[in-house]
N, C-alpha and C. Protein backbone atom coordinates (compact mmCIF):
# COMPACT_ATOMS: atom_id res chain seq x y z
N MET A 1 322.57 -43.40 -6.59
CA MET A 1 323.65 -43.47 -7.55
C MET A 1 323.11 -44.00 -8.87
N ALA A 2 323.43 -43.32 -9.96
CA ALA A 2 322.94 -43.71 -11.28
C ALA A 2 323.72 -44.93 -11.79
N ASP A 3 323.01 -45.77 -12.49
CA ASP A 3 323.61 -46.97 -13.07
C ASP A 3 323.03 -47.12 -14.47
N ILE A 4 323.87 -47.06 -15.50
CA ILE A 4 323.39 -47.13 -16.87
C ILE A 4 323.64 -48.52 -17.44
N LYS A 5 322.60 -49.08 -18.06
CA LYS A 5 322.68 -50.38 -18.72
C LYS A 5 322.22 -50.21 -20.17
N TYR A 6 322.59 -51.18 -21.01
CA TYR A 6 322.32 -51.09 -22.44
C TYR A 6 321.69 -52.37 -22.97
N THR A 7 320.92 -52.22 -24.07
CA THR A 7 320.36 -53.39 -24.75
C THR A 7 321.05 -53.58 -26.09
N LYS A 8 320.87 -54.74 -26.68
CA LYS A 8 321.42 -54.99 -28.02
C LYS A 8 320.65 -54.22 -29.08
N ASP A 9 319.47 -53.68 -28.72
CA ASP A 9 318.70 -52.85 -29.65
C ASP A 9 319.09 -51.38 -29.53
N HIS A 10 320.12 -51.10 -28.75
CA HIS A 10 320.70 -49.76 -28.62
C HIS A 10 319.84 -48.79 -27.81
N GLU A 11 319.11 -49.32 -26.83
CA GLU A 11 318.48 -48.46 -25.84
C GLU A 11 319.39 -48.42 -24.61
N TRP A 12 319.27 -47.35 -23.85
CA TRP A 12 319.97 -47.28 -22.57
C TRP A 12 318.93 -47.03 -21.49
N VAL A 13 319.29 -47.42 -20.28
CA VAL A 13 318.42 -47.17 -19.13
C VAL A 13 319.30 -46.74 -17.96
N ARG A 14 318.94 -45.62 -17.36
CA ARG A 14 319.65 -45.10 -16.19
C ARG A 14 318.72 -45.27 -15.00
N VAL A 15 319.18 -45.98 -13.99
CA VAL A 15 318.35 -46.29 -12.84
C VAL A 15 318.77 -45.44 -11.65
N GLU A 16 317.78 -44.76 -11.08
CA GLU A 16 317.98 -43.99 -9.86
C GLU A 16 316.83 -44.34 -8.93
N GLY A 17 317.13 -45.07 -7.87
CA GLY A 17 316.08 -45.56 -6.98
C GLY A 17 315.21 -46.55 -7.72
N ASP A 18 313.89 -46.30 -7.75
CA ASP A 18 313.00 -47.20 -8.50
C ASP A 18 312.56 -46.58 -9.82
N THR A 19 313.29 -45.54 -10.26
CA THR A 19 312.97 -44.86 -11.52
C THR A 19 314.01 -45.19 -12.58
N ALA A 20 313.52 -45.60 -13.75
CA ALA A 20 314.40 -45.93 -14.88
C ALA A 20 314.14 -44.94 -16.00
N THR A 21 315.17 -44.18 -16.38
CA THR A 21 315.09 -43.26 -17.50
C THR A 21 315.59 -43.99 -18.74
N VAL A 22 314.82 -43.90 -19.84
CA VAL A 22 315.10 -44.69 -21.04
C VAL A 22 315.34 -43.79 -22.24
N GLY A 23 316.32 -44.13 -23.04
CA GLY A 23 316.60 -43.42 -24.28
C GLY A 23 317.31 -44.33 -25.26
N ILE A 24 317.74 -43.76 -26.38
CA ILE A 24 318.53 -44.53 -27.34
C ILE A 24 319.97 -44.04 -27.27
N THR A 25 320.88 -44.89 -27.69
CA THR A 25 322.30 -44.57 -27.58
C THR A 25 322.75 -43.63 -28.69
N ASP A 26 323.94 -43.07 -28.52
CA ASP A 26 324.52 -42.24 -29.57
C ASP A 26 324.66 -43.04 -30.87
N TYR A 27 325.04 -44.31 -30.73
CA TYR A 27 325.16 -45.16 -31.92
C TYR A 27 323.84 -45.22 -32.67
N ALA A 28 322.74 -45.42 -31.94
CA ALA A 28 321.42 -45.54 -32.57
C ALA A 28 321.03 -44.24 -33.26
N GLN A 29 321.22 -43.12 -32.58
CA GLN A 29 320.82 -41.85 -33.20
C GLN A 29 321.69 -41.53 -34.42
N GLU A 30 322.95 -41.96 -34.39
CA GLU A 30 323.80 -41.76 -35.57
C GLU A 30 323.32 -42.62 -36.73
N GLN A 31 322.88 -43.84 -36.43
CA GLN A 31 322.37 -44.73 -37.48
C GLN A 31 321.07 -44.20 -38.07
N LEU A 32 320.23 -43.59 -37.23
CA LEU A 32 318.95 -43.07 -37.69
C LEU A 32 319.11 -41.82 -38.56
N GLY A 33 320.07 -41.01 -38.25
CA GLY A 33 320.19 -39.72 -38.91
C GLY A 33 319.32 -38.70 -38.20
N ASP A 34 318.94 -37.66 -38.90
CA ASP A 34 318.16 -36.58 -38.29
C ASP A 34 316.78 -37.05 -37.86
N VAL A 35 316.51 -36.97 -36.56
CA VAL A 35 315.22 -37.37 -36.01
C VAL A 35 314.22 -36.25 -36.28
N VAL A 36 313.06 -36.62 -36.86
CA VAL A 36 312.06 -35.62 -37.24
C VAL A 36 310.76 -35.75 -36.44
N TYR A 37 310.57 -36.89 -35.76
CA TYR A 37 309.32 -37.10 -35.01
C TYR A 37 309.55 -38.15 -33.94
N VAL A 38 308.96 -37.94 -32.78
CA VAL A 38 309.02 -38.93 -31.70
C VAL A 38 307.62 -39.13 -31.16
N GLU A 39 307.17 -40.38 -31.10
CA GLU A 39 305.87 -40.72 -30.54
C GLU A 39 306.11 -41.37 -29.18
N LEU A 40 305.54 -40.78 -28.15
CA LEU A 40 305.77 -41.26 -26.79
C LEU A 40 304.48 -41.88 -26.23
N PRO A 41 304.60 -42.79 -25.28
CA PRO A 41 303.41 -43.43 -24.69
C PRO A 41 302.70 -42.48 -23.72
N ASP A 42 301.50 -42.88 -23.34
CA ASP A 42 300.76 -42.12 -22.33
C ASP A 42 301.32 -42.42 -20.94
N ILE A 43 301.30 -41.41 -20.10
CA ILE A 43 301.68 -41.61 -18.70
C ILE A 43 300.67 -42.57 -18.08
N GLY A 44 301.17 -43.52 -17.31
CA GLY A 44 300.32 -44.52 -16.69
C GLY A 44 300.31 -45.84 -17.43
N LYS A 45 300.79 -45.84 -18.67
CA LYS A 45 300.87 -47.09 -19.44
C LYS A 45 301.89 -48.01 -18.79
N THR A 46 301.58 -49.29 -18.78
CA THR A 46 302.51 -50.28 -18.27
C THR A 46 303.14 -51.01 -19.45
N VAL A 47 304.45 -51.12 -19.43
CA VAL A 47 305.18 -51.81 -20.49
C VAL A 47 305.99 -52.95 -19.88
N GLY A 48 306.10 -54.02 -20.65
CA GLY A 48 306.95 -55.13 -20.25
C GLY A 48 308.31 -55.01 -20.90
N GLN A 49 309.28 -55.72 -20.37
CA GLN A 49 310.62 -55.70 -20.96
C GLN A 49 310.53 -56.15 -22.41
N GLY A 50 311.04 -55.35 -23.33
CA GLY A 50 311.02 -55.67 -24.75
C GLY A 50 309.80 -55.15 -25.49
N ASP A 51 308.83 -54.61 -24.74
CA ASP A 51 307.65 -54.02 -25.39
C ASP A 51 308.01 -52.68 -26.03
N GLU A 52 307.22 -52.28 -27.02
CA GLU A 52 307.42 -50.98 -27.63
C GLU A 52 307.10 -49.88 -26.62
N ALA A 53 308.05 -48.98 -26.44
CA ALA A 53 307.86 -47.89 -25.48
C ALA A 53 307.72 -46.55 -26.19
N ALA A 54 308.20 -46.46 -27.42
CA ALA A 54 308.12 -45.21 -28.19
C ALA A 54 308.43 -45.53 -29.64
N VAL A 55 308.19 -44.56 -30.50
CA VAL A 55 308.55 -44.68 -31.91
C VAL A 55 309.33 -43.44 -32.29
N VAL A 56 310.40 -43.63 -33.02
CA VAL A 56 311.19 -42.50 -33.47
C VAL A 56 311.30 -42.56 -34.99
N GLU A 57 311.05 -41.42 -35.61
CA GLU A 57 311.15 -41.34 -37.07
C GLU A 57 312.26 -40.37 -37.43
N SER A 58 313.03 -40.80 -38.43
CA SER A 58 314.12 -39.95 -38.91
C SER A 58 313.97 -39.78 -40.40
N VAL A 59 314.88 -39.05 -40.97
CA VAL A 59 314.86 -38.87 -42.42
C VAL A 59 315.13 -40.19 -43.13
N LYS A 60 315.71 -41.17 -42.42
CA LYS A 60 316.04 -42.46 -43.03
C LYS A 60 314.97 -43.52 -42.81
N ALA A 61 314.35 -43.54 -41.61
CA ALA A 61 313.45 -44.65 -41.27
C ALA A 61 312.67 -44.35 -40.01
N ALA A 62 311.66 -45.18 -39.76
CA ALA A 62 310.96 -45.17 -38.47
C ALA A 62 311.42 -46.39 -37.70
N SER A 63 311.54 -46.26 -36.38
CA SER A 63 312.04 -47.36 -35.59
C SER A 63 311.36 -47.36 -34.23
N GLU A 64 311.09 -48.57 -33.72
CA GLU A 64 310.53 -48.67 -32.39
C GLU A 64 311.65 -48.56 -31.36
N VAL A 65 311.28 -48.01 -30.20
CA VAL A 65 312.17 -47.98 -29.06
C VAL A 65 311.57 -48.94 -28.05
N TYR A 66 312.32 -49.98 -27.68
CA TYR A 66 311.80 -51.01 -26.80
C TYR A 66 312.17 -50.72 -25.35
N ALA A 67 311.27 -51.08 -24.46
CA ALA A 67 311.52 -50.88 -23.03
C ALA A 67 312.60 -51.86 -22.57
N PRO A 68 313.70 -51.36 -22.04
CA PRO A 68 314.75 -52.26 -21.55
C PRO A 68 314.32 -53.03 -20.31
N VAL A 69 313.35 -52.47 -19.59
CA VAL A 69 312.85 -53.08 -18.35
C VAL A 69 311.34 -52.86 -18.28
N SER A 70 310.69 -53.63 -17.45
CA SER A 70 309.25 -53.49 -17.25
C SER A 70 308.96 -52.38 -16.26
N GLY A 71 307.81 -51.73 -16.47
CA GLY A 71 307.42 -50.72 -15.51
C GLY A 71 306.28 -49.86 -16.01
N GLU A 72 305.88 -48.93 -15.16
CA GLU A 72 304.82 -47.99 -15.49
C GLU A 72 305.42 -46.67 -15.94
N VAL A 73 304.91 -46.12 -17.03
CA VAL A 73 305.38 -44.83 -17.51
C VAL A 73 304.94 -43.75 -16.52
N ILE A 74 305.90 -43.08 -15.91
CA ILE A 74 305.57 -42.04 -14.94
C ILE A 74 305.91 -40.64 -15.45
N GLU A 75 306.68 -40.57 -16.54
CA GLU A 75 307.02 -39.26 -17.11
C GLU A 75 307.46 -39.47 -18.55
N ILE A 76 307.10 -38.52 -19.42
CA ILE A 76 307.58 -38.55 -20.80
C ILE A 76 308.32 -37.24 -21.07
N ASN A 77 309.20 -37.28 -22.04
CA ASN A 77 309.99 -36.10 -22.38
C ASN A 77 309.19 -35.26 -23.38
N ASP A 78 308.31 -34.41 -22.86
CA ASP A 78 307.45 -33.57 -23.71
C ASP A 78 308.25 -32.70 -24.66
N GLY A 79 309.45 -32.36 -24.28
CA GLY A 79 310.27 -31.48 -25.11
C GLY A 79 310.57 -32.06 -26.48
N LEU A 80 310.54 -33.39 -26.59
CA LEU A 80 310.85 -34.02 -27.87
C LEU A 80 309.73 -33.82 -28.88
N ALA A 81 308.51 -33.55 -28.42
CA ALA A 81 307.40 -33.32 -29.36
C ALA A 81 307.66 -32.08 -30.19
N ASP A 82 308.16 -31.04 -29.55
CA ASP A 82 308.44 -29.79 -30.25
C ASP A 82 309.83 -29.76 -30.88
N ALA A 83 310.73 -30.51 -30.30
CA ALA A 83 312.12 -30.49 -30.78
C ALA A 83 312.68 -31.91 -30.82
N PRO A 84 312.20 -32.74 -31.76
CA PRO A 84 312.68 -34.13 -31.83
C PRO A 84 314.18 -34.25 -32.09
N ALA A 85 314.77 -33.21 -32.66
CA ALA A 85 316.21 -33.24 -32.92
C ALA A 85 317.01 -33.27 -31.62
N GLY A 86 316.35 -33.05 -30.50
CA GLY A 86 317.03 -33.17 -29.21
C GLY A 86 317.63 -34.54 -29.01
N VAL A 87 317.04 -35.53 -29.66
CA VAL A 87 317.60 -36.89 -29.60
C VAL A 87 318.98 -36.91 -30.24
N ASN A 88 319.15 -36.21 -31.35
CA ASN A 88 320.45 -36.14 -32.02
C ASN A 88 321.45 -35.32 -31.23
N ASP A 89 320.94 -34.26 -30.59
CA ASP A 89 321.83 -33.36 -29.87
C ASP A 89 322.40 -33.98 -28.60
N ASP A 90 321.59 -34.76 -27.87
CA ASP A 90 322.04 -35.29 -26.58
C ASP A 90 321.28 -36.58 -26.26
N ALA A 91 321.54 -37.62 -27.06
CA ALA A 91 320.79 -38.88 -26.92
C ALA A 91 320.94 -39.50 -25.54
N MET A 92 322.10 -39.32 -24.93
CA MET A 92 322.35 -39.97 -23.64
C MET A 92 322.02 -39.06 -22.46
N GLY A 93 321.46 -37.88 -22.75
CA GLY A 93 321.13 -36.94 -21.67
C GLY A 93 319.73 -36.40 -21.84
N SER A 94 319.63 -35.14 -22.31
CA SER A 94 318.33 -34.49 -22.41
C SER A 94 317.43 -35.08 -23.50
N GLY A 95 317.95 -35.98 -24.32
CA GLY A 95 317.16 -36.62 -25.36
C GLY A 95 316.49 -37.91 -24.92
N TRP A 96 316.33 -38.11 -23.60
CA TRP A 96 315.66 -39.31 -23.08
C TRP A 96 314.20 -39.32 -23.54
N PHE A 97 313.58 -40.52 -23.51
CA PHE A 97 312.21 -40.68 -23.99
C PHE A 97 311.19 -40.78 -22.86
N VAL A 98 311.37 -41.75 -21.97
CA VAL A 98 310.39 -41.98 -20.90
C VAL A 98 311.10 -42.30 -19.59
N LYS A 99 310.35 -42.10 -18.51
CA LYS A 99 310.79 -42.57 -17.20
C LYS A 99 309.78 -43.60 -16.73
N LEU A 100 310.29 -44.73 -16.28
CA LEU A 100 309.46 -45.84 -15.83
C LEU A 100 309.66 -46.06 -14.34
N ARG A 101 308.58 -46.45 -13.66
CA ARG A 101 308.73 -46.95 -12.29
C ARG A 101 308.99 -48.44 -12.42
N LEU A 102 310.19 -48.84 -12.05
CA LEU A 102 310.62 -50.23 -12.21
C LEU A 102 309.67 -51.18 -11.50
N SER A 103 309.31 -52.26 -12.19
CA SER A 103 308.48 -53.27 -11.55
C SER A 103 309.23 -54.57 -11.31
N ASN A 104 310.43 -54.72 -11.92
CA ASN A 104 311.19 -55.95 -11.74
C ASN A 104 312.67 -55.65 -11.90
N THR A 105 313.34 -55.32 -10.81
CA THR A 105 314.75 -54.91 -10.88
C THR A 105 315.66 -56.04 -11.35
N SER A 106 315.22 -57.28 -11.25
CA SER A 106 316.08 -58.40 -11.69
C SER A 106 316.30 -58.37 -13.21
N GLU A 107 315.42 -57.67 -13.95
CA GLU A 107 315.60 -57.57 -15.40
C GLU A 107 316.87 -56.80 -15.76
N LEU A 108 317.33 -55.95 -14.87
CA LEU A 108 318.55 -55.18 -15.13
C LEU A 108 319.76 -56.09 -15.32
N GLU A 109 319.71 -57.26 -14.69
CA GLU A 109 320.83 -58.20 -14.79
C GLU A 109 321.00 -58.74 -16.20
N LYS A 110 319.95 -58.67 -17.03
CA LYS A 110 320.00 -59.18 -18.40
C LYS A 110 320.61 -58.17 -19.37
N LEU A 111 320.83 -56.95 -18.90
CA LEU A 111 321.31 -55.88 -19.77
C LEU A 111 322.83 -55.78 -19.68
N MET A 112 323.41 -55.06 -20.66
CA MET A 112 324.86 -54.93 -20.74
C MET A 112 325.37 -53.72 -19.96
N SER A 113 326.55 -53.86 -19.39
CA SER A 113 327.25 -52.72 -18.78
C SER A 113 327.81 -51.87 -19.92
N GLU A 114 328.36 -50.70 -19.59
CA GLU A 114 328.94 -49.84 -20.62
C GLU A 114 330.08 -50.55 -21.35
N ASP A 115 330.95 -51.23 -20.60
CA ASP A 115 332.06 -51.94 -21.23
C ASP A 115 331.56 -53.06 -22.15
N GLU A 116 330.54 -53.79 -21.69
CA GLU A 116 329.99 -54.87 -22.51
C GLU A 116 329.34 -54.30 -23.79
N TYR A 117 328.68 -53.14 -23.66
CA TYR A 117 328.06 -52.52 -24.82
C TYR A 117 329.12 -52.06 -25.82
N LYS A 118 330.21 -51.48 -25.32
CA LYS A 118 331.30 -51.05 -26.22
C LYS A 118 331.88 -52.24 -26.97
N THR A 119 332.03 -53.36 -26.29
CA THR A 119 332.52 -54.58 -26.93
C THR A 119 331.53 -55.04 -28.00
N TYR A 120 330.25 -54.98 -27.66
CA TYR A 120 329.19 -55.36 -28.60
C TYR A 120 329.26 -54.48 -29.86
N LEU A 121 329.42 -53.17 -29.67
CA LEU A 121 329.51 -52.26 -30.82
C LEU A 121 330.73 -52.57 -31.68
N ALA A 122 331.83 -52.88 -31.04
CA ALA A 122 333.05 -53.20 -31.79
C ALA A 122 332.85 -54.44 -32.65
N GLU A 123 332.04 -55.37 -32.16
CA GLU A 123 331.76 -56.59 -32.92
C GLU A 123 330.86 -56.32 -34.12
N LEU A 124 330.10 -55.23 -34.07
CA LEU A 124 329.20 -54.89 -35.17
C LEU A 124 329.94 -54.31 -36.37
N ASP A 125 331.09 -53.72 -36.09
CA ASP A 125 331.85 -53.08 -37.18
C ASP A 125 332.50 -54.08 -38.10
């Protein structure tokens, strides 16, 4: 069963078994504007919670994407290299960045639920 959690930096993580799929939220992609380039890590790289997991560049700015949880990169979204605008089209689905093999599931407890994230966004306005 999928379980989606959010960070205050506007990343999301969907956990299925010991695999965590990571991307940025619709809010983040709207703030960035048109995404023109995505830099993804190498498969096999190990990232800690809060470490840089990817870089996304838009017409407005470049921004780091931080790993919501620790783990080993087991898959990257190669499709974003050719079509970075996929992040704008479906940030919460096909616009994911990396898949990590979770190394510390207790880190998920530090992240926000969907309702908590919506409340957080409302406070930003």
